[in-house]
Each structure stands twice: as C-alpha cells, then as structure tokens.
Amino acid sequence: MYTYKFRLFFDDVEDFVRDYEILAEQTFKDFHNAIIKSIAGLDSQELASFYICDSRWEKKKEITLIDMNFWENADVFPDNKEDRDDDIPKIIMSEAVLSDYIDDPHQRLIYEYNFLNINTFYIELLKTFEGNKKVKYPRCIHAVGEMPKLNNHLLDDDLELDLEDDADNEENVDYYDEEDYQSLNEDVEF
C-alpha cells in the first residue's frame, strides 16, 4: 500500500502551503476532494482540472472533473462529427488512478480551479512511502497560509446596477421614429 506525499502551493499568496498524503490507488477525484476540504473558500461546485506536467511545469495531459466534450454523448451537433477530436483521450478524475499517471519521483502537477475566475495551484511529489493501514487517506497533514477571498461570481459584490438612474438619464437613450424603422426594413430582402 504505497502512499504519495504531495506539496501544493499557490503563487498568489506568499507562504501558502498544503501537504497531502494519498494512496497510490486512489483517484484524482479523491485528491480534488481533499484539496477542496483543506482550503477555505473553495467550493466543490466549481470545475477544476489537474495537469500532468514535466520538470519545467509544461502541461502534458489534462485530467478533468467532468467530461468536457459535452456533445460526444449526445447528437447536439450531428453535422459536425468530423470536427470532434476523438483521438485525444478524455481523462476524468473519478476514473484516473494516481499511480497510472505518476511516473517521476518528483512528479509535478498543476491544479486549476474555477475556470471563470481561474486559480492555479502547483503540486510536487515529495516522496513515496509505505502507508499506514490505520490512517484514513487522503489527508492534509500540513497547512500554512490562507487563501484570499475568492470571488466566484461574475459580478463583484460591490457592483450595484442602478437601473432607475439610467432610465431617467435621457442622454443615454436612443430614440427611433417610424421613418427610421422603415428605412432599415427597406434595406433587408427576405
């Protein structure tokens, strides 16, 4: 029962570190859940991906939380089947066992969280060791630093739209009369 010890860090916050222990036969989904639980402010409802990287942090393979090729399982775009990239293997976290993708004693991973407001975490394998049967894995064994408040919404909480003021402001409203619409319609052929 081999166990991996990984270190996760976040460049945007100085001294932000998390260390995790996880069994080699557990999945990337298990690892994802451990990360979500150990970092305050992360929401399990957001999309995320792991990337298997080389020693220079260049992404080689993506492992997604869900199947991102949404039209593969449905005929949403039946005329565009030739545009599908079926040759690229789709790797999903719940199906990806860690030991199948960890082949370097200092394996590097990138974990990207929330694609609308992306946060990038860097992960490096520190060591491999024999696990303890009495310990429940995965687990976060070391945590330093806090995440800044993440804005998971498209609009800032401080942004307020005052529609009444805009409606009262006549300068910002374009008015068209009937002749304008007639001239527009004359240029369009049906």
C-alpha atoms as a PDB file:
ATOM      1  CA  MET A   1       0.000   0.000   0.000  1.00  0.00           C
ATOM      2  CA  TYR A   2       2.110   2.861  -1.340  1.00  0.00           C
ATOM      3  CA  THR A   3       1.368   6.400  -0.308  1.00  0.00           C
ATOM      4  CA  TYR A   4       2.323   9.637  -2.045  1.00  0.00           C
ATOM      5  CA  LYS A   5       3.195  12.817  -0.199  1.00  0.00           C
ATOM      6  CA  PHE A   6       2.482  15.921  -2.288  1.00  0.00           C
ATOM      7  CA  ARG A   7       3.126  19.600  -1.581  1.00  0.00           C
ATOM      8  CA  LEU A   8       0.709  22.174  -3.008  1.00  0.00           C
ATOM      9  CA  PHE A   9       1.495  25.863  -3.224  1.00  0.00           C
ATOM     10  CA  PHE A  10      -0.226  28.955  -4.588  1.00  0.00           C
ATOM     11  CA  ASP A  11       1.962  31.675  -6.121  1.00  0.00           C
ATOM     12  CA  ASP A  12      -0.556  34.450  -5.437  1.00  0.00           C
ATOM     13  CA  VAL A  13      -0.152  34.065  -1.661  1.00  0.00           C
ATOM     14  CA  GLU A  14       3.271  34.132  -0.052  1.00  0.00           C
ATOM     15  CA  ASP A  15       3.877  31.237   2.357  1.00  0.00           C
ATOM     16  CA  PHE A  16       0.772  29.302   1.235  1.00  0.00           C
ATOM     17  CA  VAL A  17       1.496  25.561   1.533  1.00  0.00           C
ATOM     18  CA  ARG A  18      -0.536  22.378   1.910  1.00  0.00           C
ATOM     19  CA  ASP A  19       0.941  18.885   2.247  1.00  0.00           C
ATOM     20  CA  TYR A  20      -1.185  15.859   1.402  1.00  0.00           C
ATOM     21  CA  GLU A  21      -0.806  12.123   1.811  1.00  0.00           C
ATOM     22  CA  ILE A  22      -2.827   9.968  -0.565  1.00  0.00           C
ATOM     23  CA  LEU A  23      -2.754   6.291  -1.520  1.00  0.00           C
ATOM     24  CA  ALA A  24      -1.332   5.408  -4.920  1.00  0.00           C
ATOM     25  CA  GLU A  25      -4.526   3.522  -5.831  1.00  0.00           C
ATOM     26  CA  GLN A  26      -6.812   6.457  -5.032  1.00  0.00           C
ATOM     27  CA  THR A  27      -8.133   8.681  -7.815  1.00  0.00           C
ATOM     28  CA  PHE A  28      -7.560  12.268  -8.803  1.00  0.00           C
ATOM     29  CA  LYS A  29     -11.160  12.889  -7.683  1.00  0.00           C
ATOM     30  CA  ASP A  30     -10.123  11.813  -4.174  1.00  0.00           C
ATOM     31  CA  PHE A  31      -7.211  14.246  -4.379  1.00  0.00           C
ATOM     32  CA  HIS A  32      -9.506  17.008  -5.666  1.00  0.00           C
ATOM     33  CA  ASN A  33     -11.891  16.456  -2.729  1.00  0.00           C
ATOM     34  CA  ALA A  34      -9.006  16.604  -0.239  1.00  0.00           C
ATOM     35  CA  ILE A  35      -7.868  19.926  -1.722  1.00  0.00           C
ATOM     36  CA  ILE A  36     -11.400  21.379  -1.597  1.00  0.00           C
ATOM     37  CA  LYS A  37     -11.817  20.334   2.056  1.00  0.00           C
ATOM     38  CA  SER A  38      -8.451  21.707   3.173  1.00  0.00           C
ATOM     39  CA  ILE A  39      -8.632  25.169   1.586  1.00  0.00           C
ATOM     40  CA  ALA A  40     -11.251  27.517   2.998  1.00  0.00           C
ATOM     41  CA  GLY A  41     -13.135  29.360   0.286  1.00  0.00           C
ATOM     42  CA  LEU A  42     -13.032  26.648  -2.387  1.00  0.00           C
ATOM     43  CA  ASP A  43     -16.411  25.340  -3.488  1.00  0.00           C
ATOM     44  CA  SER A  44     -16.949  21.757  -4.635  1.00  0.00           C
ATOM     45  CA  GLN A  45     -19.436  23.003  -7.261  1.00  0.00           C
ATOM     46  CA  GLU A  46     -16.724  24.711  -9.364  1.00  0.00           C
ATOM     47  CA  LEU A  47     -14.991  22.975 -12.255  1.00  0.00           C
ATOM     48  CA  ALA A  48     -11.349  22.002 -11.894  1.00  0.00           C
ATOM     49  CA  SER A  49      -8.606  20.120 -13.716  1.00  0.00           C
ATOM     50  CA  PHE A  50      -5.282  18.523 -12.913  1.00  0.00           C
ATOM     51  CA  TYR A  51      -2.470  18.657 -15.453  1.00  0.00           C
ATOM     52  CA  ILE A  52       0.384  16.198 -15.547  1.00  0.00           C
ATOM     53  CA  CYS A  53       3.483  18.332 -16.109  1.00  0.00           C
ATOM     54  CA  ASP A  54       7.119  17.881 -16.998  1.00  0.00           C
ATOM     55  CA  SER A  55      10.011  19.216 -14.913  1.00  0.00           C
ATOM     56  CA  ARG A  56       9.505  22.733 -16.363  1.00  0.00           C
ATOM     57  CA  TRP A  57       5.798  22.835 -15.390  1.00  0.00           C
ATOM     58  CA  GLU A  58       4.696  22.421 -19.011  1.00  0.00           C
ATOM     59  CA  LYS A  59       1.277  20.763 -19.237  1.00  0.00           C
ATOM     60  CA  LYS A  60       1.260  17.332 -20.885  1.00  0.00           C
ATOM     61  CA  LYS A  61      -2.105  15.696 -20.010  1.00  0.00           C
ATOM     62  CA  GLU A  62      -5.319  17.118 -18.608  1.00  0.00           C
ATOM     63  CA  ILE A  63      -7.484  15.266 -16.107  1.00  0.00           C
ATOM     64  CA  THR A  64     -10.888  16.931 -15.793  1.00  0.00           C
ATOM     65  CA  LEU A  65     -13.516  16.830 -13.079  1.00  0.00           C
ATOM     66  CA  ILE A  66     -16.212  16.049 -15.643  1.00  0.00           C
ATOM     67  CA  ASP A  67     -16.247  15.030 -19.297  1.00  0.00           C
ATOM     68  CA  MET A  68     -15.736  18.363 -21.060  1.00  0.00           C
ATOM     69  CA  ASN A  69     -16.636  17.035 -24.519  1.00  0.00           C
ATOM     70  CA  PHE A  70     -20.361  17.517 -23.993  1.00  0.00           C
ATOM     71  CA  TRP A  71     -21.536  16.591 -27.474  1.00  0.00           C
ATOM     72  CA  GLU A  72     -19.831  13.198 -27.544  1.00  0.00           C
ATOM     73  CA  ASN A  73     -22.714  11.576 -25.648  1.00  0.00           C
ATOM     74  CA  ALA A  74     -25.498  13.371 -27.489  1.00  0.00           C
ATOM     75  CA  ASP A  75     -26.240  14.358 -31.066  1.00  0.00           C
ATOM     76  CA  VAL A  76     -26.305  18.059 -30.299  1.00  0.00           C
ATOM     77  CA  PHE A  77     -24.274  18.850 -33.413  1.00  0.00           C
ATOM     78  CA  PRO A  78     -24.774  15.837 -35.702  1.00  0.00           C
ATOM     79  CA  ASP A  79     -23.424  17.676 -38.784  1.00  0.00           C
ATOM     80  CA  ASN A  80     -20.116  18.494 -37.088  1.00  0.00           C
ATOM     81  CA  LYS A  81     -18.986  14.971 -36.242  1.00  0.00           C
ATOM     82  CA  GLU A  82     -15.837  15.463 -38.322  1.00  0.00           C
ATOM     83  CA  ASP A  83     -14.861  18.344 -36.002  1.00  0.00           C
ATOM     84  CA  ARG A  84     -14.760  16.076 -32.950  1.00  0.00           C
ATOM     85  CA  ASP A  85     -11.351  15.336 -31.573  1.00  0.00           C
ATOM     86  CA  ASP A  86     -11.966  11.676 -30.725  1.00  0.00           C
ATOM     87  CA  ASP A  87      -8.245  10.840 -30.942  1.00  0.00           C
ATOM     88  CA  ILE A  88      -7.459  12.813 -27.767  1.00  0.00           C
ATOM     89  CA  PRO A  89      -8.168  10.579 -24.777  1.00  0.00           C
ATOM     90  CA  LYS A  90     -10.571  12.061 -22.279  1.00  0.00           C
ATOM     91  CA  ILE A  91      -9.332  11.557 -18.742  1.00  0.00           C
ATOM     92  CA  ILE A  92     -11.841  12.094 -15.937  1.00  0.00           C
ATOM     93  CA  MET A  93     -10.751  12.438 -12.296  1.00  0.00           C
ATOM     94  CA  SER A  94     -13.072   9.749 -10.959  1.00  0.00           C
ATOM     95  CA  GLU A  95     -11.589   7.215 -13.406  1.00  0.00           C
ATOM     96  CA  ALA A  96      -7.927   8.274 -13.159  1.00  0.00           C
ATOM     97  CA  VAL A  97      -5.911   6.349 -10.550  1.00  0.00           C
ATOM     98  CA  LEU A  98      -2.897   8.307  -9.308  1.00  0.00           C
ATOM     99  CA  SER A  99      -0.363   5.506  -9.815  1.00  0.00           C
ATOM    100  CA  ASP A 100      -1.263   5.321 -13.528  1.00  0.00           C
ATOM    101  CA  TYR A 101      -0.035   8.912 -14.062  1.00  0.00           C
ATOM    102  CA  ILE A 102       2.752   9.361 -11.511  1.00  0.00           C
ATOM    103  CA  ASP A 103       5.969   8.177 -13.161  1.00  0.00           C
ATOM    104  CA  ASP A 104       8.581  10.623 -11.856  1.00  0.00           C
ATOM    105  CA  PRO A 105       9.904  10.623  -8.256  1.00  0.00           C
ATOM    106  CA  HIS A 106       9.387  14.414  -8.274  1.00  0.00           C
ATOM    107  CA  GLN A 107       6.254  14.447 -10.446  1.00  0.00           C
ATOM    108  CA  ARG A 108       4.786  17.901 -10.995  1.00  0.00           C
ATOM    109  CA  LEU A 109       1.102  18.672 -11.359  1.00  0.00           C
ATOM    110  CA  ILE A 110      -0.910  21.814 -11.887  1.00  0.00           C
ATOM    111  CA  TYR A 111      -4.367  22.081 -10.347  1.00  0.00           C
ATOM    112  CA  GLU A 112      -6.632  24.718 -11.907  1.00  0.00           C
ATOM    113  CA  TYR A 113      -9.768  25.645 -10.011  1.00  0.00           C
ATOM    114  CA  ASN A 114     -12.792  27.680 -11.200  1.00  0.00           C
ATOM    115  CA  PHE A 115     -12.425  28.324 -14.910  1.00  0.00           C
ATOM    116  CA  LEU A 116     -14.387  31.620 -14.800  1.00  0.00           C
ATOM    117  CA  ASN A 117     -12.030  33.088 -12.203  1.00  0.00           C
ATOM    118  CA  ILE A 118      -9.073  30.742 -12.521  1.00  0.00           C
ATOM    119  CA  ASN A 119      -6.811  29.939  -9.599  1.00  0.00           C
ATOM    120  CA  THR A 120      -3.681  27.937 -10.350  1.00  0.00           C
ATOM    121  CA  PHE A 121      -2.022  25.711  -7.755  1.00  0.00           C
ATOM    122  CA  TYR A 122       1.304  23.948  -8.219  1.00  0.00           C
ATOM    123  CA  ILE A 123       1.817  20.458  -6.809  1.00  0.00           C
ATOM    124  CA  GLU A 124       5.005  18.451  -6.487  1.00  0.00           C
ATOM    125  CA  LEU A 125       5.534  14.887  -5.321  1.00  0.00           C
ATOM    126  CA  LEU A 126       7.850  14.954  -2.294  1.00  0.00           C
ATOM    127  CA  LYS A 127       8.162  11.251  -1.556  1.00  0.00           C
ATOM    128  CA  THR A 128       6.612   7.805  -1.809  1.00  0.00           C
ATOM    129  CA  PHE A 129       6.386   5.576   1.254  1.00  0.00           C
ATOM    130  CA  GLU A 130       4.584   2.584   2.713  1.00  0.00           C
ATOM    131  CA  GLY A 131       1.215   3.731   4.069  1.00  0.00           C
ATOM    132  CA  ASN A 132      -0.204   3.051   7.500  1.00  0.00           C
ATOM    133  CA  LYS A 133      -3.290   0.795   7.431  1.00  0.00           C
ATOM    134  CA  LYS A 134      -4.721   2.628  10.463  1.00  0.00           C
ATOM    135  CA  VAL A 135      -4.690   6.024   8.701  1.00  0.00           C
ATOM    136  CA  LYS A 136      -7.570   7.248   6.535  1.00  0.00           C
ATOM    137  CA  TYR A 137      -6.279   8.658   3.246  1.00  0.00           C
ATOM    138  CA  PRO A 138      -6.266  11.149   1.615  1.00  0.00           C
ATOM    139  CA  ARG A 139      -5.440  13.651   4.270  1.00  0.00           C
ATOM    140  CA  CYS A 140      -3.936  17.105   4.600  1.00  0.00           C
ATOM    141  CA  ILE A 141      -1.060  16.843   7.074  1.00  0.00           C
ATOM    142  CA  HIS A 142       0.306  20.396   6.942  1.00  0.00           C
ATOM    143  CA  ALA A 143      -1.404  23.717   6.225  1.00  0.00           C
ATOM    144  CA  VAL A 144       0.136  27.190   6.247  1.00  0.00           C
ATOM    145  CA  GLY A 145      -1.411  30.380   4.874  1.00  0.00           C
ATOM    146  CA  GLU A 146      -4.920  31.334   3.868  1.00  0.00           C
ATOM    147  CA  MET A 147      -6.477  31.994   0.503  1.00  0.00           C
ATOM    148  CA  PRO A 148      -7.683  35.495  -0.204  1.00  0.00           C
ATOM    149  CA  LYS A 149     -11.443  35.827  -0.511  1.00  0.00           C
ATOM    150  CA  LEU A 150     -12.314  34.313  -3.864  1.00  0.00           C
ATOM    151  CA  ASN A 151     -14.958  35.970  -5.988  1.00  0.00           C
ATOM    152  CA  ASN A 152     -16.925  33.108  -7.521  1.00  0.00           C
ATOM    153  CA  HIS A 153     -19.498  35.369  -9.118  1.00  0.00           C
ATOM    154  CA  LEU A 154     -19.493  37.134 -12.469  1.00  0.00           C
ATOM    155  CA  LEU A 155     -20.302  40.450 -10.803  1.00  0.00           C
ATOM    156  CA  ASP A 156     -18.434  41.910  -7.848  1.00  0.00           C
ATOM    157  CA  ASP A 157     -20.459  42.150  -4.657  1.00  0.00           C
ATOM    158  CA  ASP A 158     -19.664  45.871  -4.581  1.00  0.00           C
ATOM    159  CA  LEU A 159     -21.030  46.473  -8.077  1.00  0.00           C
ATOM    160  CA  GLU A 160     -24.552  47.811  -7.986  1.00  0.00           C
ATOM    161  CA  LEU A 161     -26.613  48.447 -11.060  1.00  0.00           C
ATOM    162  CA  ASP A 162     -28.892  51.419 -10.632  1.00  0.00           C
ATOM    163  CA  LEU A 163     -31.346  50.999 -13.484  1.00  0.00           C
ATOM    164  CA  GLU A 164     -33.656  53.758 -12.306  1.00  0.00           C
ATOM    165  CA  ASP A 165     -30.920  56.367 -12.702  1.00  0.00           C
ATOM    166  CA  ASP A 166     -30.159  55.134 -16.224  1.00  0.00           C
ATOM    167  CA  ALA A 167     -33.830  55.248 -17.235  1.00  0.00           C
ATOM    168  CA  ASP A 168     -34.082  58.847 -16.011  1.00  0.00           C
ATOM    169  CA  ASN A 169     -30.972  59.851 -17.947  1.00  0.00           C
ATOM    170  CA  GLU A 170     -32.411  60.821 -21.346  1.00  0.00           C
ATOM    171  CA  GLU A 171     -28.978  61.403 -22.881  1.00  0.00           C
ATOM    172  CA  ASN A 172     -28.141  57.686 -22.860  1.00  0.00           C
ATOM    173  CA  VAL A 173     -31.350  56.576 -24.598  1.00  0.00           C
ATOM    174  CA  ASP A 174     -31.557  56.355 -28.396  1.00  0.00           C
ATOM    175  CA  TYR A 175     -34.975  57.080 -29.817  1.00  0.00           C
ATOM    176  CA  TYR A 176     -36.058  55.999 -33.278  1.00  0.00           C
ATOM    177  CA  ASP A 177     -39.113  57.226 -35.062  1.00  0.00           C
ATOM    178  CA  GLU A 178     -41.218  55.271 -37.556  1.00  0.00           C
ATOM    179  CA  GLU A 179     -39.243  56.565 -40.566  1.00  0.00           C
ATOM    180  CA  ASP A 180     -36.007  55.171 -39.113  1.00  0.00           C
ATOM    181  CA  TYR A 181     -37.531  51.694 -38.873  1.00  0.00           C
ATOM    182  CA  GLN A 182     -38.958  51.909 -42.396  1.00  0.00           C
ATOM    183  CA  SER A 183     -35.558  52.825 -43.823  1.00  0.00           C
ATOM    184  CA  LEU A 184     -33.967  49.923 -42.010  1.00  0.00           C
ATOM    185  CA  ASN A 185     -36.560  47.482 -43.352  1.00  0.00           C
ATOM    186  CA  GLU A 186     -36.140  48.707 -46.964  1.00  0.00           C
ATOM    187  CA  ASP A 187     -32.525  47.543 -46.980  1.00  0.00           C
ATOM    188  CA  VAL A 188     -33.393  43.997 -45.932  1.00  0.00           C
ATOM    189  CA  GLU A 189     -34.582  41.461 -48.503  1.00  0.00           C
ATOM    190  CA  PHE A 190     -36.469  38.365 -47.431  1.00  0.00           C
END
